[in-house]
Amino acid sequence: MSVTIIPVETRRQMNQFINFTLDLYRSCPYYVPELALDTKATLNPKKNPAFEFSQAQPMLAIREGKVVGRVVALINNHVNETWNHKIVRFGWIDFIEDYEVCKALLDAVCKWGKERGMNMLEGPMGFTDFDREGALTWGFDRIATMSTIYNYPYYIDYYERYGLGLGADWIEHLITIPEEIPERYAKMCDLVRERYNLRVVYAKNSSELKKVHAKPIFKLLNQCYAELYGFSQLNDKQIDKYIEDYITFADVEIIPLIYNEQDELVACGIMIPSLAKALVRCRGKLFPFGWWQLIKRLYIKNDDTVEFLLVGIRPDYQGKGLNSLLVSSIHPVLKRKGYVQAETNCNLVDNTKIINFWSHMPHIDHKKRRAFIKDI
């Protein structure tokens, strides 16, 4: 039976795009849906500043009148110019267990990309590193986080069958928060603070975080990740959007900020309470009652897991022990709040600096994921 690929152009089709995964993963306890409102905003040219330098087209795969797959074809011109590539990305891709559906979706992305002068296919990737990226290749029996992709194992078989090869690999650590700070960090903490005249700051509230620290955080991230695989520098409008969407709801007690004597932000750790179980319960929808699940997890009863979204250390301060200062400062806060473990989300396997960051903490490598690539 043939598969037809159609562009998403109406509100009804966008709802089908979002709801498809809820049906596909209905019986899977490890899948964590995105917030539907976030997906709609991300794919809306009027709401996502990335469209100023990107093109994108959501698509649906239809067979006998039924949705059997979805994908977004997108081109990030900033990334292509930075890395001298002509890459069309595929993201938000999901499909039933049928290779012909996967092939039809990827063929459609290739065709869309070729029509716009692209000669390589890459994915799953989003507009920026703040979108979900990387297909899960190992750890299928562990619940995803709110920031990462979950997919069935057959996805990987189909990608390889299609001829997609290695673009980049990421690894995710599950860290057990120890009762005491590891000796290595404790010994270095005061030494590093005094040697480089550093101070650890926590915003008093979300308003201060938003007004005083938020822009320096994102500017720092642009510096830290400039050389990492496929990174897309955030412009001022994107930074403003991320601040408005996320910083307002952050728990300031678990975001340590390190400033130097020139009052420059040189390092930070961004953590959030795990909302994975709340998103599963509300099926990614805030209304009519989904908002309560998120509020409960954020402000009333935290899960025992915190998501360590990222660590940013300014390049000229890397390798100087600032990781010990970050860990030592946040450890007592995490213990007081009752967190038992932390998930690191995606760390590139060849980013030895961040891999070494976690090496002295009790942890296991519990998930792996990959970005695939091929010439088209």
Protein backbone atom coordinates (compact mmCIF):
# COMPACT_ATOMS: atom_id res chain seq x y z
CA MET A 1 0.00 0.00 0.00
CA SER A 2 1.44 3.34 -1.06
CA VAL A 3 2.43 6.13 1.32
CA THR A 4 1.58 9.75 0.52
CA ILE A 5 3.56 12.62 2.05
CA ILE A 6 1.66 15.87 2.56
CA PRO A 7 2.83 19.23 3.97
CA VAL A 8 1.33 20.38 7.26
CA GLU A 9 -0.59 23.53 6.37
CA THR A 10 -3.68 23.65 8.58
CA ARG A 11 -4.42 23.66 12.30
CA ARG A 12 -6.04 20.24 11.98
CA GLN A 13 -2.93 18.82 10.31
CA MET A 14 -0.70 20.31 13.02
CA ASN A 15 -2.86 18.65 15.67
CA GLN A 16 -2.50 15.37 13.77
CA PHE A 17 1.28 15.95 13.67
CA ILE A 18 1.41 16.35 17.45
CA ASN A 19 -1.10 13.66 18.39
CA PHE A 20 0.49 10.99 16.19
CA THR A 21 3.23 10.25 18.71
CA LEU A 22 0.74 10.01 21.57
CA ASP A 23 -0.89 7.12 19.73
CA LEU A 24 2.37 5.58 18.52
CA TYR A 25 3.85 5.45 22.04
CA ARG A 26 0.61 4.94 23.95
CA SER A 27 1.77 1.63 25.45
CA CYS A 28 5.43 2.66 25.90
CA PRO A 29 6.31 3.62 29.51
CA TYR A 30 9.58 5.29 28.49
CA TYR A 31 8.34 7.89 26.02
CA VAL A 32 8.05 11.48 27.30
CA PRO A 33 5.92 13.75 25.10
CA GLU A 34 6.85 17.31 24.32
CA LEU A 35 4.51 20.04 25.45
CA ALA A 36 2.12 20.50 22.53
CA LEU A 37 2.22 24.28 22.92
CA ASP A 38 6.04 24.24 22.67
CA THR A 39 5.98 22.15 19.50
CA LYS A 40 3.43 24.44 17.88
CA ALA A 41 5.43 27.54 18.79
CA THR A 42 8.74 26.05 17.64
CA LEU A 43 7.29 25.20 14.23
CA ASN A 44 5.50 28.54 13.85
CA PRO A 45 7.46 31.11 11.80
CA LYS A 46 5.67 33.91 13.63
CA LYS A 47 6.81 32.69 17.06
CA ASN A 48 10.24 31.12 16.53
CA PRO A 49 13.06 33.61 15.79
CA ALA A 50 15.10 30.78 14.23
CA PHE A 51 12.96 31.20 11.12
CA GLU A 52 14.86 34.45 10.44
CA PHE A 53 17.74 32.28 9.23
CA SER A 54 16.03 28.91 8.76
CA GLN A 55 13.46 27.24 6.57
CA ALA A 56 11.26 24.36 7.69
CA GLN A 57 8.38 22.22 6.48
CA PRO A 58 6.47 19.79 8.73
CA MET A 59 5.08 16.79 6.83
CA LEU A 60 2.73 13.89 7.44
CA ALA A 61 2.84 10.38 5.99
CA ILE A 62 -0.64 9.16 5.06
CA ARG A 63 -1.74 5.64 4.14
CA GLU A 64 -5.38 4.84 3.42
CA GLY A 65 -6.46 8.07 5.07
CA LYS A 66 -4.53 7.40 8.30
CA VAL A 67 -1.44 9.19 9.63
CA VAL A 68 1.42 6.67 9.79
CA GLY A 69 4.40 9.01 10.21
CA ARG A 70 5.62 12.58 10.56
CA VAL A 71 8.79 14.59 10.00
CA VAL A 72 10.09 18.16 9.74
CA ALA A 73 12.49 19.07 6.94
CA LEU A 74 14.59 22.08 7.90
CA ILE A 75 17.60 24.08 6.81
CA ASN A 76 19.58 26.19 9.28
CA ASN A 77 21.45 28.65 7.09
CA HIS A 78 23.60 29.93 9.97
CA VAL A 79 24.94 26.44 10.68
CA ASN A 80 25.53 25.74 6.99
CA GLU A 81 27.43 29.00 6.55
CA THR A 82 29.45 28.46 9.74
CA TRP A 83 30.51 24.90 8.85
CA ASN A 84 30.54 25.38 5.06
CA HIS A 85 27.91 22.69 4.54
CA LYS A 86 24.75 22.31 2.49
CA ILE A 87 22.77 20.19 4.90
CA VAL A 88 19.05 19.59 5.14
CA ARG A 89 18.08 18.30 8.55
CA PHE A 90 15.24 15.98 9.51
CA GLY A 91 13.68 16.35 12.94
CA TRP A 92 10.52 15.51 14.87
CA ILE A 93 10.50 12.21 12.96
CA ASP A 94 8.30 9.32 14.00
CA PHE A 95 6.74 6.44 12.10
CA ILE A 96 5.06 3.09 12.49
CA GLU A 97 7.13 -0.11 12.24
CA ASP A 98 7.25 -0.15 8.46
CA TYR A 99 10.40 0.68 6.51
CA GLU A 100 8.44 2.01 3.53
CA VAL A 101 6.96 4.74 5.74
CA CYS A 102 10.40 5.74 7.05
CA LYS A 103 11.81 5.74 3.52
CA ALA A 104 8.95 7.86 2.18
CA LEU A 105 9.50 10.46 4.91
CA LEU A 106 13.26 10.66 4.39
CA ASP A 107 12.84 10.71 0.60
CA ALA A 108 10.51 13.68 1.00
CA VAL A 109 13.05 15.52 3.15
CA CYS A 110 15.81 14.82 0.60
CA LYS A 111 13.63 16.08 -2.24
CA TRP A 112 12.71 19.23 -0.31
CA GLY A 113 16.37 19.83 0.50
CA LYS A 114 17.65 19.23 -3.03
CA GLU A 115 15.13 21.72 -4.37
CA ARG A 116 16.83 24.27 -2.14
CA GLY A 117 20.40 23.38 -3.12
CA MET A 118 21.28 20.99 -0.30
CA ASN A 119 23.52 17.95 -0.86
CA MET A 120 23.57 16.24 2.56
CA LEU A 121 20.93 14.82 4.91
CA GLU A 122 21.36 14.93 8.70
CA GLY A 123 19.24 14.11 11.69
CA PRO A 124 17.38 13.84 13.79
CA MET A 125 18.24 17.46 14.59
CA GLY A 126 16.27 20.62 15.36
CA PHE A 127 16.79 24.29 14.66
CA THR A 128 19.23 24.64 17.58
CA ASP A 129 20.82 22.54 20.32
CA PHE A 130 17.90 23.51 22.55
CA ASP A 131 15.59 21.35 20.42
CA ARG A 132 15.53 17.59 20.85
CA GLU A 133 18.27 15.92 18.82
CA GLY A 134 19.93 12.55 18.33
CA ALA A 135 18.16 9.21 17.85
CA LEU A 136 18.30 6.92 20.87
CA THR A 137 20.58 3.97 20.07
CA TRP A 138 20.95 2.38 23.52
CA GLY A 139 18.94 2.64 26.73
CA PHE A 140 15.52 1.87 25.29
CA ASP A 141 14.37 0.54 28.68
CA ARG A 142 14.89 3.86 30.49
CA ILE A 143 12.48 6.76 30.63
CA ALA A 144 13.45 9.73 28.51
CA THR A 145 13.86 13.25 29.84
CA MET A 146 11.77 16.25 28.82
CA SER A 147 14.70 17.43 26.68
CA THR A 148 15.56 14.28 24.74
CA ILE A 149 14.16 12.08 21.99
CA TYR A 150 12.77 8.63 22.69
CA ASN A 151 12.36 6.26 19.76
CA TYR A 152 11.78 2.56 19.24
CA PRO A 153 14.81 0.37 18.35
CA TYR A 154 13.51 -0.24 14.82
CA TYR A 155 14.18 3.41 13.96
CA ILE A 156 17.93 2.72 14.02
CA ASP A 157 17.62 -0.32 11.78
CA TYR A 158 15.65 1.71 9.24
CA TYR A 159 18.08 4.66 9.29
CA GLU A 160 21.00 2.32 8.60
CA ARG A 161 19.03 0.50 5.91
CA TYR A 162 18.43 3.90 4.28
CA GLY A 163 22.20 4.41 4.12
CA LEU A 164 22.58 6.90 6.93
CA GLY A 165 25.94 6.81 8.72
CA LEU A 166 27.58 8.31 11.78
CA GLY A 167 27.37 12.06 12.19
CA ALA A 168 27.90 12.38 15.93
CA ASP A 169 27.38 10.30 19.05
CA TRP A 170 26.21 11.48 22.45
CA ILE A 171 26.20 9.74 25.81
CA GLU A 172 24.04 10.41 28.86
CA HIS A 173 25.06 9.76 32.45
CA LEU A 174 22.86 8.91 35.41
CA ILE A 175 24.62 10.31 38.44
CA THR A 176 23.98 9.21 42.00
CA ILE A 177 24.16 12.29 44.21
CA PRO A 178 26.57 11.22 46.97
CA GLU A 179 26.06 11.90 50.66
CA GLU A 180 29.33 13.82 50.75
CA ILE A 181 31.11 15.92 48.14
CA PRO A 182 33.80 13.84 46.39
CA GLU A 183 37.15 14.52 48.03
CA ARG A 184 38.69 15.72 44.76
CA TYR A 185 36.13 18.51 44.44
CA ALA A 186 36.18 19.47 48.11
CA LYS A 187 39.96 19.95 48.11
CA MET A 188 40.01 22.07 44.97
CA CYS A 189 36.98 24.23 45.71
CA ASP A 190 38.57 26.86 47.98
CA LEU A 191 41.85 26.80 46.07
CA VAL A 192 40.14 27.60 42.77
CA ARG A 193 37.96 30.32 44.30
CA GLU A 194 40.93 32.11 45.83
CA ARG A 195 43.38 31.65 42.96
CA TYR A 196 41.05 33.17 40.36
CA ASN A 197 39.10 35.54 42.66
CA LEU A 198 35.76 33.90 41.89
CA ARG A 199 32.42 34.01 43.65
CA VAL A 200 29.40 31.75 43.37
CA VAL A 201 26.11 33.58 42.99
CA TYR A 202 22.51 32.41 43.18
CA ALA A 203 19.72 34.68 42.00
CA LYS A 204 17.33 35.66 44.79
CA ASN A 205 14.30 34.97 42.64
CA SER A 206 13.26 34.34 39.05
CA SER A 207 12.88 38.06 38.41
CA GLU A 208 16.54 38.70 39.28
CA LEU A 209 17.63 35.68 37.27
CA LYS A 210 15.72 36.99 34.28
CA LYS A 211 16.77 40.63 34.48
CA VAL A 212 20.38 40.33 35.66
CA HIS A 213 21.81 36.92 34.82
CA ALA A 214 19.83 35.41 31.94
CA LYS A 215 21.45 37.20 29.01
CA PRO A 216 25.00 36.62 30.32
CA ILE A 217 24.10 32.90 30.66
CA PHE A 218 23.11 32.57 27.01
CA LYS A 219 26.04 34.70 25.82
CA LEU A 220 28.32 32.37 27.79
CA LEU A 221 26.72 29.32 26.17
CA ASN A 222 27.37 30.81 22.72
CA GLN A 223 31.06 31.02 23.64
CA CYS A 224 31.29 27.59 25.27
CA TYR A 225 29.61 25.58 22.54
CA ALA A 226 30.73 27.45 19.43
CA GLU A 227 32.97 24.58 18.27
CA LEU A 228 30.66 21.68 19.12
CA TYR A 229 28.96 19.54 16.49
CA GLY A 230 26.24 21.39 14.58
CA PHE A 231 25.93 24.18 17.16
CA SER A 232 23.81 27.14 16.09
CA GLN A 233 24.74 30.47 17.68
CA LEU A 234 21.76 32.11 19.37
CA ASN A 235 20.91 35.64 18.28
CA ASP A 236 19.38 38.29 20.55
CA LYS A 237 15.80 37.48 19.56
CA GLN A 238 16.31 33.79 20.25
CA ILE A 239 17.88 34.58 23.61
CA ASP A 240 14.94 36.81 24.51
CA LYS A 241 12.53 34.04 23.58
CA TYR A 242 14.32 31.39 25.65
CA ILE A 243 14.43 33.78 28.59
CA GLU A 244 10.71 34.45 28.32
CA ASP A 245 9.77 30.80 27.81
CA TYR A 246 12.00 29.09 30.36
CA ILE A 247 13.90 31.36 32.75
CA THR A 248 10.73 32.67 34.35
CA PHE A 249 9.92 29.18 35.67
CA ALA A 250 13.43 28.13 36.69
CA ASP A 251 14.29 27.06 40.22
CA VAL A 252 16.96 29.63 41.07
CA GLU A 253 18.26 27.52 43.96
CA ILE A 254 19.74 24.95 41.58
CA ILE A 255 21.39 27.30 39.09
CA PRO A 256 24.89 28.17 40.37
CA LEU A 257 26.56 31.12 38.62
CA ILE A 258 30.29 31.84 38.89
CA TYR A 259 31.52 35.41 38.41
CA ASN A 260 35.09 36.71 38.34
CA GLU A 261 36.44 39.89 39.93
CA GLN A 262 35.54 41.86 36.78
CA ASP A 263 31.92 40.85 37.39
CA GLU A 264 31.91 38.65 34.28
CA LEU A 265 29.99 35.39 34.21
CA VAL A 266 32.58 32.68 33.57
CA ALA A 267 30.70 29.49 34.45
CA CYS A 268 27.24 28.19 35.22
CA GLY A 269 25.31 24.99 35.73
CA ILE A 270 21.75 24.82 34.48
CA MET A 271 19.51 22.30 36.24
CA ILE A 272 15.77 21.76 36.35
CA PRO A 273 13.56 19.40 38.33
CA SER A 274 12.68 16.38 36.21
CA LEU A 275 9.27 16.87 34.63
CA ALA A 276 9.33 13.62 32.68
CA LYS A 277 6.72 11.81 34.77
CA ALA A 278 4.49 14.88 34.86
CA LEU A 279 4.59 15.16 31.07
CA VAL A 280 3.72 11.48 30.74
CA ARG A 281 0.71 11.94 33.01
CA CYS A 282 -0.58 15.01 31.16
CA ARG A 283 0.32 13.55 27.72
CA GLY A 284 2.14 16.77 26.82
CA LYS A 285 -0.96 18.95 27.11
CA LEU A 286 -1.49 21.71 29.64
CA PHE A 287 -5.25 21.84 29.32
CA PRO A 288 -7.62 21.11 30.84
CA PHE A 289 -5.68 19.68 33.83
CA GLY A 290 -2.14 19.02 32.60
CA TRP A 291 -0.85 22.27 34.10
CA TRP A 292 -1.47 20.85 37.58
CA GLN A 293 0.94 17.98 37.01
CA LEU A 294 3.71 20.43 36.09
CA ILE A 295 2.95 22.85 38.94
CA LYS A 296 2.97 19.98 41.41
CA ARG A 297 6.39 18.78 40.24
CA LEU A 298 7.87 22.28 40.15
CA TYR A 299 6.61 23.76 43.38
CA ILE A 300 4.98 21.15 45.62
CA LYS A 301 6.59 17.72 45.36
CA ASN A 302 9.74 17.34 43.30
CA ASP A 303 10.66 14.07 41.69
CA ASP A 304 13.84 12.52 43.13
CA THR A 305 15.64 13.32 39.86
CA VAL A 306 17.10 16.57 38.62
CA GLU A 307 18.05 17.16 34.99
CA PHE A 308 21.52 18.63 34.59
CA LEU A 309 20.83 20.29 31.26
CA LEU A 310 24.26 21.76 30.67
CA VAL A 311 27.48 23.09 32.10
CA GLY A 312 29.05 26.20 30.65
CA ILE A 313 32.62 27.27 31.44
CA ARG A 314 34.18 30.11 29.46
CA PRO A 315 36.97 28.78 27.22
CA ASP A 316 39.74 30.74 28.98
CA TYR A 317 38.66 29.28 32.33
CA GLN A 318 38.36 25.67 31.18
CA GLY A 319 40.79 23.19 32.72
CA LYS A 320 41.24 25.37 35.81
CA GLY A 321 39.05 23.41 38.21
CA LEU A 322 35.87 25.47 38.07
CA ASN A 323 33.90 22.22 37.83
CA SER A 324 34.88 21.53 41.46
CA LEU A 325 33.43 24.90 42.47
CA LEU A 326 30.17 24.21 40.65
CA VAL A 327 29.78 20.74 42.17
CA SER A 328 30.71 21.81 45.68
CA SER A 329 28.31 24.73 45.67
CA ILE A 330 25.29 22.87 44.33
CA HIS A 331 25.70 19.62 46.26
CA PRO A 332 24.20 20.76 49.61
CA VAL A 333 21.24 22.35 47.81
CA LEU A 334 20.44 19.14 45.93
CA LYS A 335 20.66 17.08 49.14
CA ARG A 336 18.43 19.52 51.02
CA LYS A 337 15.82 19.34 48.29
CA GLY A 338 15.81 15.56 48.43
CA TYR A 339 17.27 14.80 45.00
CA VAL A 340 18.75 11.34 44.73
CA GLN A 341 20.06 11.34 41.18
CA ALA A 342 20.82 13.64 38.25
CA GLU A 343 20.59 13.04 34.51
CA THR A 344 23.11 14.82 32.33
CA ASN A 345 21.23 14.73 29.02
CA CYS A 346 23.38 14.74 25.86
CA ASN A 347 27.19 14.95 26.06
CA LEU A 348 29.17 14.49 22.85
CA VAL A 349 31.42 11.46 23.26
CA ASP A 350 34.42 13.37 21.90
CA ASN A 351 33.86 16.29 24.28
CA THR A 352 36.43 15.00 26.76
CA LYS A 353 36.15 18.09 28.96
CA ILE A 354 32.53 17.44 29.87
CA ILE A 355 33.06 13.66 30.06
CA ASN A 356 35.90 14.24 32.52
CA PHE A 357 33.66 16.62 34.47
CA TRP A 358 31.51 13.67 35.57
CA SER A 359 34.28 11.09 35.89
CA HIS A 360 34.76 11.59 39.63
CA MET A 361 31.06 11.35 40.46
CA PRO A 362 29.33 7.98 41.02
CA HIS A 363 27.53 7.38 37.74
CA ILE A 364 26.56 4.96 35.01
CA ASP A 365 26.42 5.50 31.27
CA HIS A 366 22.76 4.72 30.69
CA LYS A 367 21.77 6.12 27.29
CA LYS A 368 23.43 6.72 23.95
CA ARG A 369 22.18 8.54 20.89
CA ARG A 370 23.33 9.43 17.40
CA ALA A 371 22.91 12.01 14.67
CA PHE A 372 22.97 10.30 11.26
CA ILE A 373 24.24 11.78 8.00
CA LYS A 374 24.55 10.89 4.31
CA ASP A 375 25.14 12.49 0.92
CA ILE A 376 22.04 13.00 -1.18
